[in-house]
Amino acid sequence: MSSTTVPAAPHRASAGPGRPRRRVPVASVQGTLALDLGGGAATTSAGLPSPLALLPGGRAELDAFAQRFAAAVVEVVGGDRGPSQLLRWTSPEVYADLQRRSALMNRTVPGDRRVRRLRSQVRSVHLSCPAPGAVELSIHVRRGERSRAVAARLVQREGRWCCTALEFG
């Protein structure tokens, strides 16, 4: 790997009146040592690093978060969990939609009289990375013999994932 040197920032302690600036080596190409997060090809067909391979926290951590998030969304919509538990991980629009869906469920049958023989279950969650810092989830939900699809878009905001779009099929 070739490197070039650039002068250090002038506010550094090593740079002062009468002192030469300290030279810091910088790689000519940065980001070439992206983590291999497993679970798929580390490069695209063009030979570039896969966007999923560049996600902070690692692919395994993101998979686990996606599974927990999908399960929580299904529980909110099913009336088993309060929407406030997802406030930190949703945009205001998505949170308002979850509140509306939860309120509709509570209006049909109050929680204290709700009999649960069948609960919706998350069967699978698939990840796609359309852009750096964004992940789309495709969620398969099953309740008895019926299946539904849920799609979610997560973007990174302030070091955490935030759901900015949620669609139920």
N, C-alpha and C. Protein backbone atom coordinates (compact mmCIF):
# COMPACT_ATOMS: atom_id res chain seq x y z
N MET A 1 0.85 -1.15 0.00
CA MET A 1 0.00 0.00 0.00
C MET A 1 0.90 1.22 0.00
N SER A 2 0.64 2.12 -0.92
CA SER A 2 1.45 3.34 -0.96
C SER A 2 0.86 4.37 -0.03
N SER A 3 1.69 5.26 0.44
CA SER A 3 1.17 6.30 1.32
C SER A 3 1.85 7.61 0.97
N THR A 4 1.15 8.66 1.31
CA THR A 4 1.69 9.99 1.13
C THR A 4 1.72 10.65 2.48
N THR A 5 2.39 11.75 2.59
CA THR A 5 2.41 12.45 3.86
C THR A 5 1.75 13.80 3.68
N VAL A 6 1.03 14.18 4.70
CA VAL A 6 0.40 15.48 4.72
C VAL A 6 0.79 16.18 5.99
N PRO A 7 0.84 17.50 5.98
CA PRO A 7 1.19 18.19 7.21
C PRO A 7 0.10 18.01 8.26
N ALA A 8 0.51 17.90 9.50
CA ALA A 8 -0.45 17.79 10.59
C ALA A 8 -1.17 19.11 10.76
N ALA A 9 -2.28 19.07 11.44
CA ALA A 9 -3.05 20.29 11.66
C ALA A 9 -2.22 21.29 12.45
N PRO A 10 -2.31 22.58 12.12
CA PRO A 10 -1.46 23.56 12.78
C PRO A 10 -1.72 23.72 14.27
N HIS A 11 -2.87 23.29 14.77
CA HIS A 11 -3.16 23.46 16.20
C HIS A 11 -2.51 22.38 17.06
N ARG A 12 -1.82 21.44 16.47
CA ARG A 12 -1.17 20.38 17.25
C ARG A 12 -0.02 20.96 18.07
N ALA A 13 0.26 20.27 19.16
CA ALA A 13 1.32 20.74 20.06
C ALA A 13 2.70 20.68 19.40
N SER A 14 2.88 19.75 18.46
CA SER A 14 4.19 19.63 17.85
C SER A 14 4.47 20.76 16.87
N ALA A 15 3.43 21.46 16.46
CA ALA A 15 3.62 22.57 15.54
C ALA A 15 3.57 23.86 16.33
N GLY A 16 4.67 24.50 16.43
CA GLY A 16 4.71 25.76 17.17
C GLY A 16 5.70 26.69 16.50
N PRO A 17 5.86 27.87 17.04
CA PRO A 17 6.81 28.79 16.44
C PRO A 17 8.21 28.21 16.48
N GLY A 18 8.85 28.16 15.34
CA GLY A 18 10.21 27.66 15.26
C GLY A 18 10.32 26.15 15.17
N ARG A 19 9.21 25.42 15.32
CA ARG A 19 9.23 23.96 15.23
C ARG A 19 8.70 23.52 13.88
N PRO A 20 9.30 22.49 13.32
CA PRO A 20 8.77 21.98 12.06
C PRO A 20 7.48 21.19 12.32
N ARG A 21 6.58 21.21 11.38
CA ARG A 21 5.34 20.43 11.51
C ARG A 21 5.66 18.94 11.41
N ARG A 22 4.98 18.19 12.22
CA ARG A 22 5.15 16.74 12.21
C ARG A 22 4.39 16.17 11.01
N ARG A 23 4.98 15.28 10.26
CA ARG A 23 4.35 14.69 9.09
C ARG A 23 3.68 13.38 9.49
N VAL A 24 2.44 13.22 9.06
CA VAL A 24 1.66 12.04 9.40
C VAL A 24 1.38 11.26 8.11
N PRO A 25 1.74 9.97 8.05
CA PRO A 25 1.44 9.21 6.85
C PRO A 25 -0.06 8.94 6.72
N VAL A 26 -0.55 9.03 5.47
CA VAL A 26 -1.96 8.79 5.18
C VAL A 26 -2.03 7.81 4.02
N ALA A 27 -2.86 6.81 4.13
CA ALA A 27 -3.02 5.84 3.05
C ALA A 27 -3.62 6.52 1.84
N SER A 28 -3.15 6.14 0.64
CA SER A 28 -3.67 6.76 -0.57
C SER A 28 -5.10 6.32 -0.86
N VAL A 29 -5.47 5.15 -0.43
CA VAL A 29 -6.84 4.66 -0.59
C VAL A 29 -7.32 4.24 0.78
N GLN A 30 -8.41 4.86 1.22
CA GLN A 30 -8.94 4.52 2.54
C GLN A 30 -10.16 3.63 2.40
N GLY A 31 -10.43 2.84 3.38
CA GLY A 31 -11.60 1.98 3.37
C GLY A 31 -11.37 0.67 2.64
N THR A 32 -10.12 0.38 2.30
CA THR A 32 -9.85 -0.85 1.56
C THR A 32 -9.85 -2.08 2.46
N LEU A 33 -9.81 -1.89 3.76
CA LEU A 33 -9.81 -3.02 4.69
C LEU A 33 -11.16 -3.18 5.36
N ALA A 34 -12.24 -3.11 4.57
CA ALA A 34 -13.58 -3.26 5.12
C ALA A 34 -13.72 -4.65 5.73
N LEU A 35 -14.48 -4.72 6.79
CA LEU A 35 -14.69 -6.00 7.46
C LEU A 35 -15.49 -6.94 6.58
N ASP A 36 -15.15 -8.21 6.60
CA ASP A 36 -15.96 -9.22 5.95
C ASP A 36 -17.00 -9.64 6.97
N LEU A 37 -18.23 -9.22 6.74
CA LEU A 37 -19.28 -9.47 7.71
C LEU A 37 -19.99 -10.79 7.49
N GLY A 38 -19.54 -11.58 6.56
CA GLY A 38 -20.08 -12.91 6.33
C GLY A 38 -21.50 -12.89 5.81
N GLY A 39 -22.04 -14.06 5.60
CA GLY A 39 -23.41 -14.18 5.17
C GLY A 39 -23.64 -13.80 3.71
N GLY A 40 -22.62 -13.70 2.93
CA GLY A 40 -22.79 -13.35 1.53
C GLY A 40 -21.48 -12.88 0.95
N ALA A 41 -21.55 -12.47 -0.29
CA ALA A 41 -20.34 -12.01 -0.97
C ALA A 41 -19.88 -10.71 -0.36
N ALA A 42 -18.58 -10.57 -0.18
CA ALA A 42 -18.02 -9.35 0.39
C ALA A 42 -17.86 -8.28 -0.67
N THR A 43 -18.02 -8.65 -1.94
CA THR A 43 -17.90 -7.68 -3.01
C THR A 43 -19.10 -7.77 -3.93
N THR A 44 -19.36 -6.69 -4.65
CA THR A 44 -20.43 -6.67 -5.64
C THR A 44 -19.89 -7.26 -6.93
N SER A 45 -20.74 -7.37 -7.95
CA SER A 45 -20.30 -7.91 -9.23
C SER A 45 -19.26 -7.01 -9.88
N ALA A 46 -19.23 -5.73 -9.50
CA ALA A 46 -18.24 -4.81 -10.04
C ALA A 46 -16.91 -4.87 -9.28
N GLY A 47 -16.82 -5.73 -8.27
CA GLY A 47 -15.59 -5.86 -7.50
C GLY A 47 -15.47 -4.85 -6.37
N LEU A 48 -16.52 -4.05 -6.13
CA LEU A 48 -16.50 -3.06 -5.05
C LEU A 48 -16.95 -3.72 -3.76
N PRO A 49 -16.56 -3.18 -2.61
CA PRO A 49 -17.02 -3.77 -1.35
C PRO A 49 -18.54 -3.70 -1.27
N SER A 50 -19.16 -4.77 -0.79
CA SER A 50 -20.61 -4.81 -0.62
C SER A 50 -21.02 -3.77 0.42
N PRO A 51 -22.11 -3.03 0.18
CA PRO A 51 -22.56 -2.06 1.19
C PRO A 51 -22.84 -2.72 2.54
N LEU A 52 -23.34 -3.96 2.54
CA LEU A 52 -23.58 -4.65 3.80
C LEU A 52 -22.28 -4.93 4.54
N ALA A 53 -21.18 -5.07 3.80
CA ALA A 53 -19.88 -5.32 4.43
C ALA A 53 -19.33 -4.08 5.10
N LEU A 54 -19.88 -2.93 4.78
CA LEU A 54 -19.37 -1.67 5.33
C LEU A 54 -20.20 -1.16 6.49
N LEU A 55 -21.23 -1.88 6.88
CA LEU A 55 -22.11 -1.41 7.94
C LEU A 55 -21.40 -1.45 9.29
N PRO A 56 -21.57 -0.37 10.08
CA PRO A 56 -20.96 -0.38 11.41
C PRO A 56 -21.64 -1.40 12.30
N GLY A 57 -20.88 -2.02 13.16
CA GLY A 57 -21.44 -2.97 14.10
C GLY A 57 -21.42 -4.40 13.60
N GLY A 58 -21.25 -4.61 12.31
CA GLY A 58 -21.16 -5.96 11.78
C GLY A 58 -22.50 -6.51 11.33
N ARG A 59 -22.42 -7.44 10.41
CA ARG A 59 -23.62 -8.05 9.83
C ARG A 59 -24.40 -8.85 10.87
N ALA A 60 -23.71 -9.60 11.71
CA ALA A 60 -24.39 -10.42 12.71
C ALA A 60 -25.19 -9.54 13.67
N GLU A 61 -24.61 -8.43 14.09
CA GLU A 61 -25.31 -7.51 14.99
C GLU A 61 -26.53 -6.91 14.31
N LEU A 62 -26.39 -6.55 13.04
CA LEU A 62 -27.52 -5.98 12.30
C LEU A 62 -28.61 -7.02 12.09
N ASP A 63 -28.24 -8.26 11.79
CA ASP A 63 -29.24 -9.33 11.65
C ASP A 63 -30.03 -9.50 12.94
N ALA A 64 -29.33 -9.51 14.07
CA ALA A 64 -30.00 -9.68 15.36
C ALA A 64 -30.93 -8.51 15.64
N PHE A 65 -30.47 -7.28 15.35
CA PHE A 65 -31.33 -6.11 15.56
C PHE A 65 -32.56 -6.18 14.66
N ALA A 66 -32.37 -6.57 13.40
CA ALA A 66 -33.50 -6.65 12.46
C ALA A 66 -34.53 -7.66 12.93
N GLN A 67 -34.08 -8.80 13.45
CA GLN A 67 -35.01 -9.82 13.98
C GLN A 67 -35.80 -9.27 15.17
N ARG A 68 -35.11 -8.61 16.10
CA ARG A 68 -35.78 -8.05 17.28
C ARG A 68 -36.75 -6.95 16.89
N PHE A 69 -36.33 -6.09 15.96
CA PHE A 69 -37.18 -4.99 15.53
C PHE A 69 -38.43 -5.53 14.83
N ALA A 70 -38.27 -6.51 13.95
CA ALA A 70 -39.42 -7.09 13.24
C ALA A 70 -40.40 -7.72 14.23
N ALA A 71 -39.88 -8.45 15.20
CA ALA A 71 -40.75 -9.08 16.20
C ALA A 71 -41.50 -8.01 17.01
N ALA A 72 -40.82 -6.94 17.37
CA ALA A 72 -41.47 -5.87 18.14
C ALA A 72 -42.57 -5.19 17.33
N VAL A 73 -42.33 -4.95 16.04
CA VAL A 73 -43.36 -4.33 15.19
C VAL A 73 -44.58 -5.23 15.12
N VAL A 74 -44.37 -6.53 14.92
CA VAL A 74 -45.49 -7.47 14.84
C VAL A 74 -46.25 -7.50 16.16
N GLU A 75 -45.56 -7.44 17.27
CA GLU A 75 -46.22 -7.44 18.58
C GLU A 75 -47.01 -6.16 18.81
N VAL A 76 -46.50 -5.02 18.34
CA VAL A 76 -47.23 -3.75 18.48
C VAL A 76 -48.51 -3.81 17.67
N VAL A 77 -48.41 -4.24 16.43
CA VAL A 77 -49.58 -4.30 15.56
C VAL A 77 -50.59 -5.33 16.07
N GLY A 78 -50.11 -6.39 16.70
CA GLY A 78 -50.99 -7.41 17.24
C GLY A 78 -51.57 -7.06 18.60
N GLY A 79 -51.15 -5.95 19.19
CA GLY A 79 -51.68 -5.52 20.47
C GLY A 79 -50.98 -6.12 21.67
N ASP A 80 -49.87 -6.82 21.47
CA ASP A 80 -49.15 -7.45 22.58
C ASP A 80 -48.10 -6.55 23.20
N ARG A 81 -47.76 -5.45 22.54
CA ARG A 81 -46.71 -4.56 23.00
C ARG A 81 -47.16 -3.13 22.73
N GLY A 82 -46.82 -2.23 23.61
CA GLY A 82 -47.16 -0.82 23.41
C GLY A 82 -46.25 -0.17 22.39
N PRO A 83 -46.76 0.72 21.55
CA PRO A 83 -45.93 1.36 20.53
C PRO A 83 -44.82 2.23 21.11
N SER A 84 -44.98 2.69 22.35
CA SER A 84 -43.96 3.56 22.95
C SER A 84 -42.61 2.86 23.07
N GLN A 85 -42.61 1.54 23.08
CA GLN A 85 -41.35 0.80 23.17
C GLN A 85 -40.51 0.92 21.90
N LEU A 86 -41.12 1.38 20.80
CA LEU A 86 -40.39 1.55 19.55
C LEU A 86 -40.11 3.01 19.22
N LEU A 87 -40.43 3.92 20.12
CA LEU A 87 -40.26 5.34 19.87
C LEU A 87 -38.82 5.70 19.48
N ARG A 88 -37.86 5.14 20.17
CA ARG A 88 -36.45 5.46 19.93
C ARG A 88 -35.96 5.00 18.56
N TRP A 89 -36.60 3.97 18.00
CA TRP A 89 -36.12 3.38 16.75
C TRP A 89 -37.02 3.66 15.56
N THR A 90 -37.91 4.64 15.67
CA THR A 90 -38.80 4.96 14.55
C THR A 90 -38.84 6.46 14.32
N SER A 91 -39.11 6.83 13.07
CA SER A 91 -39.31 8.25 12.75
C SER A 91 -40.69 8.66 13.28
N PRO A 92 -40.96 9.95 13.39
CA PRO A 92 -42.27 10.39 13.88
C PRO A 92 -43.44 9.85 13.04
N GLU A 93 -43.26 9.75 11.73
CA GLU A 93 -44.34 9.25 10.86
C GLU A 93 -44.61 7.77 11.11
N VAL A 94 -43.57 6.98 11.22
CA VAL A 94 -43.73 5.54 11.46
C VAL A 94 -44.31 5.32 12.85
N TYR A 95 -43.84 6.08 13.82
CA TYR A 95 -44.36 5.94 15.18
C TYR A 95 -45.86 6.28 15.22
N ALA A 96 -46.27 7.34 14.53
CA ALA A 96 -47.69 7.72 14.48
C ALA A 96 -48.52 6.61 13.85
N ASP A 97 -48.00 5.97 12.80
CA ASP A 97 -48.72 4.87 12.15
C ASP A 97 -48.84 3.68 13.11
N LEU A 98 -47.78 3.36 13.84
CA LEU A 98 -47.85 2.26 14.80
C LEU A 98 -48.84 2.57 15.93
N GLN A 99 -48.86 3.82 16.38
CA GLN A 99 -49.83 4.20 17.41
C GLN A 99 -51.26 4.03 16.89
N ARG A 100 -51.50 4.45 15.65
CA ARG A 100 -52.83 4.34 15.05
C ARG A 100 -53.25 2.88 14.95
N ARG A 101 -52.35 2.03 14.47
CA ARG A 101 -52.66 0.61 14.33
C ARG A 101 -52.91 -0.04 15.69
N SER A 102 -52.14 0.34 16.68
CA SER A 102 -52.31 -0.21 18.02
C SER A 102 -53.66 0.24 18.61
N ALA A 103 -54.00 1.50 18.40
CA ALA A 103 -55.29 2.01 18.90
C ALA A 103 -56.46 1.30 18.23
N LEU A 104 -56.36 1.04 16.93
CA LEU A 104 -57.41 0.31 16.23
C LEU A 104 -57.57 -1.09 16.79
N MET A 105 -56.48 -1.75 17.09
CA MET A 105 -56.54 -3.09 17.66
C MET A 105 -57.20 -3.05 19.04
N ASN A 106 -56.84 -2.06 19.84
CA ASN A 106 -57.42 -1.96 21.19
C ASN A 106 -58.89 -1.58 21.16
N ARG A 107 -59.33 -0.88 20.10
CA ARG A 107 -60.74 -0.53 19.97
C ARG A 107 -61.60 -1.72 19.60
N THR A 108 -61.04 -2.64 18.81
CA THR A 108 -61.84 -3.79 18.38
C THR A 108 -62.10 -4.74 19.55
N VAL A 109 -61.05 -5.07 20.28
CA VAL A 109 -61.20 -5.93 21.46
C VAL A 109 -60.26 -5.41 22.53
N PRO A 110 -60.79 -4.97 23.67
CA PRO A 110 -59.92 -4.48 24.73
C PRO A 110 -58.92 -5.55 25.17
N GLY A 111 -57.76 -5.12 25.58
CA GLY A 111 -56.68 -6.02 25.96
C GLY A 111 -57.05 -7.00 27.05
N ASP A 112 -57.87 -6.58 28.02
CA ASP A 112 -58.21 -7.49 29.12
C ASP A 112 -59.18 -8.59 28.68
N ARG A 113 -59.87 -8.42 27.55
CA ARG A 113 -60.80 -9.45 27.07
C ARG A 113 -60.28 -10.17 25.84
N ARG A 114 -59.07 -9.86 25.44
CA ARG A 114 -58.50 -10.46 24.23
C ARG A 114 -57.99 -11.87 24.54
N VAL A 115 -58.49 -12.83 23.81
CA VAL A 115 -58.04 -14.21 23.95
C VAL A 115 -57.09 -14.49 22.80
N ARG A 116 -55.91 -14.96 23.14
CA ARG A 116 -54.89 -15.21 22.13
C ARG A 116 -54.69 -16.70 21.94
N ARG A 117 -55.24 -17.22 20.88
CA ARG A 117 -54.95 -18.60 20.55
C ARG A 117 -53.82 -18.64 19.53
N LEU A 118 -53.88 -17.69 18.59
CA LEU A 118 -52.85 -17.61 17.56
C LEU A 118 -52.20 -16.25 17.62
N ARG A 119 -50.91 -16.24 17.66
CA ARG A 119 -50.16 -14.98 17.60
C ARG A 119 -49.39 -14.96 16.29
N SER A 120 -49.23 -13.78 15.77
CA SER A 120 -48.41 -13.62 14.57
C SER A 120 -46.96 -13.91 14.92
N GLN A 121 -46.27 -14.57 14.02
CA GLN A 121 -44.86 -14.91 14.24
C GLN A 121 -44.03 -14.46 13.05
N VAL A 122 -42.87 -13.93 13.34
CA VAL A 122 -41.93 -13.57 12.29
C VAL A 122 -41.26 -14.86 11.83
N ARG A 123 -41.44 -15.20 10.56
CA ARG A 123 -40.86 -16.41 10.02
C ARG A 123 -39.47 -16.16 9.44
N SER A 124 -39.27 -15.01 8.78
CA SER A 124 -37.95 -14.71 8.23
C SER A 124 -37.80 -13.21 8.03
N VAL A 125 -36.56 -12.77 8.06
CA VAL A 125 -36.21 -11.37 7.81
C VAL A 125 -35.04 -11.38 6.84
N HIS A 126 -35.20 -10.68 5.72
CA HIS A 126 -34.13 -10.58 4.73
C HIS A 126 -33.68 -9.13 4.65
N LEU A 127 -32.37 -8.93 4.54
CA LEU A 127 -31.78 -7.60 4.49
C LEU A 127 -31.30 -7.26 3.09
N SER A 128 -31.43 -6.00 2.76
CA SER A 128 -30.88 -5.47 1.51
C SER A 128 -30.30 -4.11 1.84
N CYS A 129 -29.23 -3.74 1.17
CA CYS A 129 -28.58 -2.45 1.44
C CYS A 129 -28.57 -1.62 0.16
N PRO A 130 -29.58 -0.78 -0.06
CA PRO A 130 -29.66 0.01 -1.29
C PRO A 130 -28.69 1.18 -1.33
N ALA A 131 -28.24 1.64 -0.18
CA ALA A 131 -27.32 2.78 -0.12
C ALA A 131 -26.53 2.70 1.17
N PRO A 132 -25.36 3.33 1.23
CA PRO A 132 -24.61 3.34 2.48
C PRO A 132 -25.43 3.97 3.60
N GLY A 133 -25.46 3.32 4.74
CA GLY A 133 -26.19 3.83 5.89
C GLY A 133 -27.68 3.58 5.83
N ALA A 134 -28.14 2.75 4.88
CA ALA A 134 -29.56 2.43 4.77
C ALA A 134 -29.73 0.93 4.55
N VAL A 135 -30.71 0.34 5.21
CA VAL A 135 -31.00 -1.08 5.09
C VAL A 135 -32.50 -1.24 4.90
N GLU A 136 -32.87 -2.12 3.99
CA GLU A 136 -34.28 -2.43 3.81
C GLU A 136 -34.53 -3.86 4.27
N LEU A 137 -35.63 -4.04 5.00
CA LEU A 137 -35.99 -5.34 5.53
C LEU A 137 -37.22 -5.86 4.80
N SER A 138 -37.20 -7.13 4.49
CA SER A 138 -38.35 -7.83 3.95
C SER A 138 -38.71 -8.88 4.99
N ILE A 139 -39.89 -8.74 5.58
CA ILE A 139 -40.26 -9.56 6.73
C ILE A 139 -41.45 -10.45 6.36
N HIS A 140 -41.32 -11.74 6.60
CA HIS A 140 -42.41 -12.70 6.38
C HIS A 140 -43.05 -12.98 7.73
N VAL A 141 -44.35 -12.66 7.83
CA VAL A 141 -45.10 -12.85 9.07
C VAL A 141 -46.18 -13.89 8.83
N ARG A 142 -46.31 -14.81 9.75
CA ARG A 142 -47.31 -15.87 9.62
C ARG A 142 -48.21 -15.88 10.84
N ARG A 143 -49.52 -16.02 10.57
CA ARG A 143 -50.51 -16.17 11.65
C ARG A 143 -51.44 -17.28 11.24
N GLY A 144 -51.29 -18.42 11.89
CA GLY A 144 -52.07 -19.60 11.49
C GLY A 144 -51.66 -20.03 10.09
N GLU A 145 -52.62 -20.12 9.19
CA GLU A 145 -52.35 -20.51 7.81
C GLU A 145 -52.13 -19.31 6.90
N ARG A 146 -52.24 -18.11 7.42
CA ARG A 146 -52.12 -16.91 6.59
C ARG A 146 -50.74 -16.28 6.74
N SER A 147 -50.26 -15.73 5.64
CA SER A 147 -48.97 -15.04 5.63
C SER A 147 -49.16 -13.59 5.21
N ARG A 148 -48.29 -12.75 5.72
CA ARG A 148 -48.26 -11.35 5.33
C ARG A 148 -46.81 -10.95 5.11
N ALA A 149 -46.66 -9.87 4.37
CA ALA A 149 -45.33 -9.31 4.16
C ALA A 149 -45.28 -7.94 4.81
N VAL A 150 -44.15 -7.62 5.39
CA VAL A 150 -43.91 -6.30 5.95
C VAL A 150 -42.57 -5.84 5.39
N ALA A 151 -42.53 -4.59 4.93
CA ALA A 151 -41.28 -4.02 4.43
C ALA A 151 -40.92 -2.83 5.32
N ALA A 152 -39.65 -2.71 5.63
CA ALA A 152 -39.18 -1.61 6.48
C ALA A 152 -37.89 -1.05 5.91
N ARG A 153 -37.71 0.23 6.07
CA ARG A 153 -36.44 0.88 5.69
C ARG A 153 -35.84 1.47 6.95
N LEU A 154 -34.59 1.10 7.22
CA LEU A 154 -33.85 1.61 8.37
C LEU A 154 -32.70 2.46 7.87
N VAL A 155 -32.51 3.60 8.47
CA VAL A 155 -31.37 4.44 8.15
C VAL A 155 -30.61 4.74 9.43
N GLN A 156 -29.33 5.00 9.28
CA GLN A 156 -28.53 5.32 10.46
C GLN A 156 -28.68 6.79 10.80
N ARG A 157 -29.03 7.05 12.04
CA ARG A 157 -29.14 8.41 12.55
C ARG A 157 -28.52 8.44 13.92
N GLU A 158 -27.55 9.31 14.08
CA GLU A 158 -26.89 9.51 15.37
C GLU A 158 -26.41 8.21 15.99
N GLY A 159 -25.83 7.35 15.17
CA GLY A 159 -25.22 6.13 15.67
C GLY A 159 -26.17 4.99 15.96
N ARG A 160 -27.44 5.10 15.56
CA ARG A 160 -28.37 3.99 15.75
C ARG A 160 -29.29 3.88 14.53
N TRP A 161 -29.94 2.74 14.42
CA TRP A 161 -30.85 2.52 13.29
C TRP A 161 -32.21 3.10 13.61
N CYS A 162 -32.81 3.76 12.61
CA CYS A 162 -34.12 4.39 12.76
C CYS A 162 -34.99 3.96 11.59
N CYS A 163 -36.18 3.45 11.88
CA CYS A 163 -37.11 3.02 10.84
C CYS A 163 -37.81 4.26 10.28
N THR A 164 -37.62 4.52 8.98
CA THR A 164 -38.22 5.71 8.35
C THR A 164 -39.40 5.35 7.46
N ALA A 165 -39.59 4.06 7.16
CA ALA A 165 -40.71 3.64 6.34
C ALA A 165 -41.12 2.23 6.76
N LEU A 166 -42.42 2.00 6.82
CA LEU A 166 -42.95 0.70 7.22
C LEU A 166 -44.22 0.45 6.42
N GLU A 167 -44.23 -0.62 5.65
CA GLU A 167 -45.37 -0.96 4.80
C GLU A 167 -45.85 -2.38 5.13
N PHE A 168 -47.16 -2.54 5.23
CA PHE A 168 -47.75 -3.83 5.50
C PHE A 168 -48.45 -4.33 4.25
N GLY A 169 -48.20 -5.59 3.87
CA GLY A 169 -48.82 -6.14 2.67
C GLY A 169 -49.86 -7.17 2.99
